[in-house]
Amino acid sequence: MDVIDILLSNEPLKAEEKEYKIKRLSKVYKADVIFKLKGLSYNRVADIKNMNNEDVSVHIVLAGVKEPNLKNKELLEKYNAVTPAELVKKMLLPGEIEDISKAIEKLSGYRTNTIEEIKKK
């Protein structure tokens, strides 16, 4: 089977999703605080990187966190945040933001070894 046949005979892949426990929040709240993360499309990653904004990691988190809904009005009010980006910065530590951002990038195919050279014999 050639590559075209393989690609045509299978369904296009959907963005990968995984769940991650936020250790500090889980410890403090004595309950598992789990975020469901999803991989981002090439266009979404490009849009975020082209924002010319120092908060790239925050925007990757906002785009890649499927649950909890970081745009939830009640959550924004609870943390006295005007925007979802402000909520992320108030709710999470800088290191947590970076770790979540990196996990989303991995789900999006970044920060991993995604190709392998075929050596001819």
Protein backbone atom coordinates (compact mmCIF):
# COMPACT_ATOMS: atom_id res chain seq x y z
CA MET A 1 0.00 0.00 0.00
CA ASP A 2 1.42 3.41 -0.89
CA VAL A 3 1.08 6.53 1.27
CA ILE A 4 -1.85 7.95 -0.71
CA ASP A 5 -3.80 4.72 -0.24
CA ILE A 6 -3.06 4.72 3.49
CA LEU A 7 -4.21 8.33 3.87
CA LEU A 8 -7.32 7.83 1.76
CA SER A 9 -8.39 4.62 3.51
CA ASN A 10 -8.38 6.19 6.98
CA GLU A 11 -10.36 8.97 8.63
CA PRO A 12 -8.58 12.30 9.20
CA LEU A 13 -7.24 12.48 12.74
CA LYS A 14 -8.83 14.75 15.32
CA ALA A 15 -6.88 16.87 17.76
CA GLU A 16 -5.53 14.79 20.61
CA GLU A 17 -6.93 15.40 24.10
CA LYS A 18 -5.52 14.49 27.51
CA GLU A 19 -6.31 15.27 31.13
CA TYR A 20 -3.78 16.76 33.53
CA LYS A 21 -4.03 17.17 37.28
CA ILE A 22 -2.90 20.55 38.61
CA LYS A 23 -0.87 19.40 41.62
CA ARG A 24 -0.81 22.62 43.67
CA LEU A 25 -4.51 23.37 43.29
CA SER A 26 -5.43 19.75 43.99
CA LYS A 27 -3.36 19.81 47.18
CA VAL A 28 -4.70 23.16 48.38
CA TYR A 29 -8.36 22.36 47.59
CA LYS A 30 -8.06 18.71 48.73
CA ALA A 31 -9.76 17.56 45.53
CA ASP A 32 -8.45 16.66 42.11
CA VAL A 33 -8.33 19.77 39.93
CA ILE A 34 -8.13 18.31 36.44
CA PHE A 35 -7.78 20.28 33.22
CA LYS A 36 -8.69 18.67 29.90
CA LEU A 37 -6.27 19.88 27.24
CA LYS A 38 -6.52 19.63 23.47
CA GLY A 39 -4.07 20.00 20.63
CA LEU A 40 -4.32 23.11 18.46
CA SER A 41 -4.46 23.43 14.71
CA TYR A 42 -1.58 24.92 12.73
CA ASN A 43 -3.63 28.04 11.98
CA ARG A 44 -4.56 28.58 15.63
CA VAL A 45 -0.93 28.27 16.75
CA ALA A 46 0.16 30.66 13.98
CA ASP A 47 -2.52 33.19 15.01
CA ILE A 48 -1.35 33.10 18.63
CA LYS A 49 2.33 33.43 17.71
CA ASN A 50 1.55 36.35 15.38
CA MET A 51 -0.17 38.34 18.14
CA ASN A 52 3.16 40.00 19.02
CA ASN A 53 2.20 39.58 22.63
CA GLU A 54 4.40 38.63 25.55
CA ASP A 55 1.58 36.46 26.89
CA VAL A 56 1.87 33.76 24.20
CA SER A 57 1.82 30.99 26.83
CA VAL A 58 -1.35 32.42 28.40
CA HIS A 59 -3.10 32.49 25.02
CA ILE A 60 -1.98 28.93 24.25
CA VAL A 61 -3.52 27.92 27.60
CA LEU A 62 -6.75 29.75 26.74
CA ALA A 63 -6.95 28.08 23.33
CA GLY A 64 -5.95 24.60 24.49
CA VAL A 65 -7.82 24.16 27.79
CA LYS A 66 -11.08 22.45 26.91
CA GLU A 67 -12.21 22.08 30.54
CA PRO A 68 -12.68 24.00 32.77
CA ASN A 69 -14.21 26.77 30.71
CA LEU A 70 -11.82 29.65 31.38
CA LYS A 71 -14.37 32.09 29.95
CA ASN A 72 -16.99 31.14 32.55
CA LYS A 73 -18.58 34.33 33.92
CA GLU A 74 -18.82 33.01 37.49
CA LEU A 75 -15.18 31.92 37.47
CA LEU A 76 -14.10 35.33 36.17
CA GLU A 77 -16.10 37.03 38.94
CA LYS A 78 -14.72 34.69 41.64
CA TYR A 79 -11.15 35.62 40.71
CA ASN A 80 -12.06 39.27 40.11
CA ALA A 81 -10.74 38.99 36.54
CA VAL A 82 -11.96 41.15 33.69
CA THR A 83 -10.64 38.88 30.92
CA PRO A 84 -9.92 35.15 30.62
CA ALA A 85 -6.20 35.98 30.23
CA GLU A 86 -6.30 37.82 33.54
CA LEU A 87 -8.07 34.82 35.11
CA VAL A 88 -5.32 32.46 33.98
CA LYS A 89 -2.67 34.73 35.50
CA LYS A 90 -4.56 35.02 38.80
CA MET A 91 -5.51 31.35 39.10
CA LEU A 92 -2.25 29.72 38.04
CA LEU A 93 1.40 30.23 38.93
CA PRO A 94 3.76 31.24 36.11
CA GLY A 95 5.36 27.78 36.12
CA GLU A 96 1.94 26.13 35.89
CA ILE A 97 1.04 28.32 32.91
CA GLU A 98 4.28 27.30 31.18
CA ASP A 99 3.78 23.60 31.96
CA ILE A 100 0.19 23.62 30.67
CA SER A 101 1.29 25.56 27.58
CA LYS A 102 4.04 23.00 26.91
CA ALA A 103 1.58 20.12 27.33
CA ILE A 104 -0.76 21.75 24.79
CA GLU A 105 2.17 22.27 22.43
CA LYS A 106 3.05 18.56 22.72
CA LEU A 107 -0.56 17.62 21.93
CA SER A 108 -0.22 19.92 18.89
CA GLY A 109 2.89 18.13 17.63
CA TYR A 110 5.49 20.56 18.97
CA ARG A 111 8.28 19.71 21.43
CA THR A 112 8.27 16.10 20.30
CA ASN A 113 10.21 14.13 17.75
CA THR A 114 7.54 13.73 15.06
CA ILE A 115 9.56 12.41 12.14
CA GLU A 116 12.10 9.67 11.61
CA GLU A 117 14.70 9.40 8.89
CA ILE A 118 14.54 6.23 6.82
CA LYS A 119 18.05 4.91 6.25
CA LYS A 120 18.61 3.08 3.00
CA LYS A 121 20.48 -0.19 3.24
